[in-house]
Amino acid sequence: MNKIQKLILAIFVPIIFFFIAVFIAKGAVGYRSSTLF
């Protein structure tokens, strides 16, 4: 991969994992904490 592709992965991969973690957390806790996200 070139430097641009590595830069894109370095930016978007953590963001994707963050949203997945938030989605799982909202599903596990329930809608009570939906206003926190």
C-alpha atoms as a PDB file:
ATOM      1  CA  MET A   1       0.000   0.000   0.000  1.00  0.00           C
ATOM      2  CA  ASN A   2       1.082   3.577  -0.509  1.00  0.00           C
ATOM      3  CA  LYS A   3       1.288   6.221   2.194  1.00  0.00           C
ATOM      4  CA  ILE A   4      -2.147   7.676   1.404  1.00  0.00           C
ATOM      5  CA  GLN A   5      -3.890   4.310   1.822  1.00  0.00           C
ATOM      6  CA  LYS A   6      -2.062   3.710   5.107  1.00  0.00           C
ATOM      7  CA  LEU A   7      -3.081   7.174   6.307  1.00  0.00           C
ATOM      8  CA  ILE A   8      -6.731   6.527   5.418  1.00  0.00           C
ATOM      9  CA  LEU A   9      -6.686   3.199   7.261  1.00  0.00           C
ATOM     10  CA  ALA A  10      -4.989   4.787  10.276  1.00  0.00           C
ATOM     11  CA  ILE A  11      -7.801   7.354  10.459  1.00  0.00           C
ATOM     12  CA  PHE A  12     -10.927   5.386   9.579  1.00  0.00           C
ATOM     13  CA  VAL A  13     -10.257   2.005  11.211  1.00  0.00           C
ATOM     14  CA  PRO A  14     -10.207   3.397  14.798  1.00  0.00           C
ATOM     15  CA  ILE A  15     -13.327   5.451  14.037  1.00  0.00           C
ATOM     16  CA  ILE A  16     -15.169   2.370  12.762  1.00  0.00           C
ATOM     17  CA  PHE A  17     -14.189   0.380  15.844  1.00  0.00           C
ATOM     18  CA  PHE A  18     -15.310   3.292  18.044  1.00  0.00           C
ATOM     19  CA  PHE A  19     -18.781   3.365  16.505  1.00  0.00           C
ATOM     20  CA  ILE A  20     -19.039  -0.427  16.794  1.00  0.00           C
ATOM     21  CA  ALA A  21     -18.112  -0.196  20.481  1.00  0.00           C
ATOM     22  CA  VAL A  22     -20.696   2.546  21.037  1.00  0.00           C
ATOM     23  CA  PHE A  23     -23.361   0.517  19.230  1.00  0.00           C
ATOM     24  CA  ILE A  24     -22.610  -2.554  21.370  1.00  0.00           C
ATOM     25  CA  ALA A  25     -22.597  -0.458  24.536  1.00  0.00           C
ATOM     26  CA  LYS A  26     -25.981   1.079  23.701  1.00  0.00           C
ATOM     27  CA  GLY A  27     -27.407  -2.365  22.977  1.00  0.00           C
ATOM     28  CA  ALA A  28     -26.051  -3.823  26.212  1.00  0.00           C
ATOM     29  CA  VAL A  29     -27.058  -0.982  28.520  1.00  0.00           C
ATOM     30  CA  GLY A  30     -30.300  -0.090  26.808  1.00  0.00           C
ATOM     31  CA  TYR A  31     -31.977   3.106  25.659  1.00  0.00           C
ATOM     32  CA  ARG A  32     -31.437   4.802  29.016  1.00  0.00           C
ATOM     33  CA  SER A  33     -27.942   5.938  27.974  1.00  0.00           C
ATOM     34  CA  SER A  34     -28.899   6.802  24.388  1.00  0.00           C
ATOM     35  CA  THR A  35     -28.745  10.515  25.222  1.00  0.00           C
ATOM     36  CA  LEU A  36     -25.087  10.178  26.237  1.00  0.00           C
ATOM     37  CA  PHE A  37     -23.987   9.273  22.717  1.00  0.00           C
END
